[in-house]
Structures are given as C-alpha cells and as structure tokens.
Protein backbone atom coordinates (compact mmCIF):
# COMPACT_ATOMS: atom_id res chain seq x y z
CA MET A 1 103.56 116.60 112.15
CA PRO A 2 103.71 117.82 108.52
CA GLU A 3 106.67 116.72 106.40
CA HIS A 4 109.52 119.29 106.32
CA ILE A 5 110.96 120.53 103.18
CA SER A 6 114.29 119.43 101.91
CA GLU A 7 117.15 121.70 101.87
CA ILE A 8 117.50 121.11 97.91
CA GLU A 9 113.65 122.05 97.77
CA GLU A 10 113.96 125.10 100.05
CA ASN A 11 117.06 126.35 97.66
CA LEU A 12 115.05 125.93 94.53
CA LEU A 13 112.11 127.76 96.01
CA MET A 14 114.30 130.80 97.16
CA GLU A 15 115.75 130.85 93.66
CA ALA A 16 112.21 130.54 91.82
CA ARG A 17 110.90 133.38 93.96
CA THR A 18 113.50 135.42 92.51
CA GLY A 19 112.27 134.44 89.10
CA ASP A 20 114.78 131.96 88.24
CA ARG A 21 112.56 129.84 85.65
CA ASN A 22 115.25 127.12 85.58
CA ALA A 23 115.04 126.67 89.61
CA TYR A 24 111.08 126.53 88.93
CA GLY A 25 111.50 124.21 86.33
CA GLU A 26 113.67 121.95 88.29
CA LEU A 27 111.01 122.11 91.37
CA ALA A 28 108.35 121.43 89.25
CA GLY A 29 110.02 118.07 87.68
CA ARG A 30 110.90 116.92 91.02
CA CYS A 31 107.34 116.48 91.85
CA TYR A 32 105.39 116.02 88.36
CA SER A 33 105.01 112.35 88.73
CA ASP A 34 103.48 112.32 92.16
CA VAL A 35 101.21 115.26 91.49
CA ILE A 36 99.78 113.76 88.34
CA ARG A 37 99.33 110.27 90.10
CA VAL A 38 97.24 111.91 92.85
CA VAL A 39 95.22 114.13 90.42
CA TYR A 40 94.73 111.08 88.15
CA ARG A 41 93.26 109.23 91.02
CA ALA A 42 91.05 112.09 92.05
CA CYS A 43 89.58 112.71 88.64
CA GLY A 44 89.98 109.26 86.72
CA ASP A 45 90.85 111.10 83.29
CA THR A 46 94.43 111.01 82.18
CA ALA A 47 94.00 114.21 79.67
CA LEU A 48 92.05 116.02 82.52
CA ALA A 49 94.52 115.17 84.98
CA GLN A 50 97.42 116.46 82.68
CA ASP A 51 95.98 119.76 81.89
CA ALA A 52 94.98 120.30 85.59
CA VAL A 53 98.52 119.70 86.41
CA GLN A 54 99.81 122.00 84.02
CA GLU A 55 97.53 124.74 85.02
CA ALA A 56 98.39 124.14 88.56
CA PHE A 57 102.08 124.73 87.99
CA ILE A 58 101.35 128.10 85.95
CA ARG A 59 99.04 129.18 89.09
CA ALA A 60 101.56 128.02 91.46
CA TRP A 61 104.30 130.00 89.59
CA VAL A 62 102.32 133.38 89.50
CA LYS A 63 101.44 132.64 93.48
CA LEU A 64 104.89 131.48 94.31
CA PRO A 65 105.47 134.72 96.73
CA GLU A 66 102.55 133.58 98.74
CA PHE A 67 103.61 129.94 99.23
CA GLN A 68 104.34 129.19 102.69
CA ALA A 69 107.05 126.55 102.91
CA ARG A 70 105.60 124.56 106.03
CA ALA A 71 105.08 121.30 103.75
CA PRO A 72 106.55 120.15 100.38
CA PHE A 73 105.92 122.29 97.41
CA SER A 74 104.10 119.07 95.80
CA HIS A 75 101.49 119.16 98.35
CA TRP A 76 100.48 122.59 97.43
CA VAL A 77 100.71 122.01 93.78
CA CYS A 78 98.49 119.17 94.26
CA ARG A 79 95.72 120.92 95.92
CA ILE A 80 95.66 123.48 93.28
CA ALA A 81 95.73 120.69 90.63
CA VAL A 82 92.98 118.44 92.42
CA ASN A 83 90.69 121.73 92.84
CA VAL A 84 91.27 122.58 89.13
CA ALA A 85 90.44 119.05 87.94
CA LEU A 86 87.28 118.57 90.16
CA ASP A 87 86.16 122.40 89.00
CA THR A 88 86.34 120.94 85.47
CA LEU A 89 84.36 117.69 86.29
CA ARG A 90 81.75 119.87 87.76
CA GLU A 91 81.38 121.50 84.65
CA LYS A 92 81.71 118.33 82.50
CA PRO A 93 80.36 115.33 84.84
CA GLN A 94 79.65 113.23 81.61
CA GLU A 95 83.32 112.53 80.82
CA SER A 96 84.24 108.98 81.05
CA ILE A 97 87.37 107.19 82.81
CA GLU A 98 90.18 106.58 80.31
CA ASP A 99 92.39 103.63 80.25
CA ASN A 100 95.24 103.95 83.04
CA PRO A 101 98.43 103.63 81.20
CA THR A 102 100.31 102.74 84.51
CA MET A 103 97.84 99.69 84.69
CA THR A 104 98.38 98.97 81.01
CA HIS A 105 102.16 99.10 81.48
CA LEU A 106 102.10 96.66 84.62
CA ALA A 107 99.83 94.48 83.16
CA GLY A 108 100.85 94.43 79.76
CA LYS A 109 104.14 92.25 79.54
CA ASN A 110 104.22 90.25 82.68
CA LEU A 111 100.84 88.77 82.61
CA ASP A 112 98.54 86.62 80.19
CA PRO A 113 95.74 88.49 78.43
CA GLU A 114 93.02 86.89 80.64
CA THR A 115 94.94 88.07 83.98
CA ALA A 116 95.66 91.64 82.42
CA TYR A 117 91.95 91.98 81.49
CA VAL A 118 90.78 91.00 84.95
CA ALA A 119 93.46 93.45 86.33
CA ARG A 120 92.09 96.14 84.01
CA GLU A 121 88.57 95.50 85.09
CA GLN A 122 89.27 95.58 88.78
CA ALA A 123 91.09 99.06 88.47
CA ASP A 124 88.16 100.37 86.51
CA ARG A 125 85.77 99.31 89.27
CA VAL A 126 88.25 101.00 91.70
CA GLN A 127 88.55 104.02 89.88
CA ASN A 128 84.74 104.31 89.31
CA ALA A 129 84.03 103.73 92.87
CA ILE A 130 86.63 106.47 93.73
CA LYS A 131 85.06 108.78 91.29
CA SER A 132 81.45 108.30 92.77
CA LEU A 133 82.62 109.37 96.18
CA PRO A 134 81.66 112.69 97.45
CA GLU A 135 84.31 115.33 96.59
CA ALA A 136 85.37 116.02 100.25
CA ALA A 137 85.76 112.38 101.19
CA ARG A 138 87.53 111.39 97.64
CA THR A 139 90.18 114.09 97.96
CA VAL A 140 91.16 113.10 101.56
CA LEU A 141 91.23 109.31 100.49
CA VAL A 142 93.44 110.20 97.26
CA PHE A 143 95.79 112.36 99.23
CA ARG A 144 96.22 109.61 101.75
CA GLU A 145 96.23 106.45 99.55
CA TYR A 146 98.03 107.57 96.48
CA GLY A 147 99.73 110.96 97.69
CA GLN A 148 101.10 108.92 100.81
CA MET A 149 100.38 112.22 103.01
CA SER A 150 100.09 111.85 106.64
CA TYR A 151 96.78 113.34 108.62
CA ASP A 152 98.73 116.40 109.34
CA GLU A 153 99.77 116.87 105.91
CA ILE A 154 96.37 116.30 104.43
CA ALA A 155 94.86 118.82 107.01
CA ALA A 156 97.44 121.55 106.36
CA THR A 157 97.12 121.16 102.66
CA LEU A 158 93.25 121.62 102.84
CA GLU A 159 93.27 123.65 105.75
CA ILE A 160 90.87 121.58 107.78
CA PRO A 161 91.22 119.98 111.27
CA VAL A 162 93.02 116.51 111.52
CA GLY A 163 89.76 115.27 113.30
CA THR A 164 87.86 116.09 109.90
CA VAL A 165 90.45 114.28 107.95
CA MET A 166 90.07 110.99 109.78
CA SER A 167 86.24 111.51 109.65
CA ARG A 168 86.25 112.01 105.85
CA LEU A 169 88.77 109.03 105.39
CA ASN A 170 87.05 106.67 107.49
CA TYR A 171 83.70 107.83 105.74
CA ALA A 172 85.67 107.31 102.16
CA ARG A 173 86.99 103.92 103.00
CA SER A 174 83.60 102.78 104.52
CA LYS A 175 81.86 103.97 101.35
CA LEU A 176 84.32 102.65 98.88
CA ARG A 177 84.17 99.20 100.61
CA GLU A 178 80.37 99.25 100.46
CA LEU A 179 80.42 100.24 96.64
CA LEU A 180 82.97 97.52 95.83
CA LEU A 181 81.09 94.96 97.51
CA GLU A 182 77.90 95.87 96.03
CA GLU A 183 79.63 95.67 92.54
CA CYS A 184 81.03 92.36 93.41
CA MET A 185 77.50 90.95 94.24
CA GLU A 186 75.96 92.24 91.06
CA THR A 187 78.79 90.87 89.16
CA GLU A 188 78.26 87.31 90.65
CA ARG A 189 74.47 87.65 90.15
CA GLU A 190 75.25 88.38 86.51
CA TYR A 191 77.48 85.28 85.77
CA ALA A 192 75.44 83.03 88.10
C-alpha cells in the first residue's frame, strides 16, 4: 500500500497550490536531500543530479495543480528529476562519474587513506555497474534501494504494475550481482 502523506505535507500542498511560494519552498526543502540522493544514484553525476533536481522542482511548481496526492510529494519530484537526468544522459552519454561527496565525507576522517581509497573504489564500481543497467531496471533499483520506496510506491510513481516492479527489480539485482562479480574476477586476474 502506498505511503500516505503527512498532515504537514498536506497543509503545505494546499497552501502552495494557492500560490504560496514559502509553503512550496518548505515543501521542497523537506524532501530535497532524499530526492538528490536518489537522482545521483540514477545518473552518477553530482552536477547533473543537482541540475535535474532544480529543474524538477521548477516543473513540479508549474504542474502542482495536477499533482494527485496519493503518495508523498517527494516521490513525484523524484520521478520528474530522474526523468530529467536520464534524458540529459541520453543526450550526453560520455559524461563520467564524479566523486561522491557522501563517500568522501564518510571515508575522510575515520578511515586510514588505504581503507578510504578501497571504499572509494568499491563505491565507483557499484555506481558504474548501476549506471550500466538498462534504464527501466536502474530506475526501479534506485527507487527501491536508495529512495526506500515500497513496491506499491514505485508502481504508483512509475505508473506500472507491481509485478513489473518486482520483475525489473529482480533483473536489476541479478544483473548488478553479475556485473560486480565479473569486475571482481577481472581485478583478481589483473593482480594475480
């Protein structure tokens, strides 16, 4: 069953629909970090994720009267932002993955340089593998694993049946496992 929106979000949505920019700003601020995290995982590029999220919030403001509040506002904005990012990637597939500031922060202070380097390498491998998945599978995987959405929420957000969500997620996980295992074996051969 899709997650219901909170009373606070409902009130902010009502106010924002009447043109209250402050209410919309608060609504956007409440979900910004979740949306940017999901979009970054979908596209693998920090600058692209930031641009896509900014564009998504603008589009959401314009289309706010059309928003059906059956799921949290953040899920709708996530869908818009992921679509913007993926459209941009289709136009510029040569862009590389940038450093992940979250990983740098996590690895920076508490780990020795070698451990931090290994963690960064592993994160890059996972991000590259995610980025190589077909778009439909990647989107479902990112919404589930990084967006913490339920199957029903993903189905509602992407407007596809729950069975399709489950099938795509199963495929994405299997393919990701296969890609990472292949990468690991190549690395072992390289250093053997």
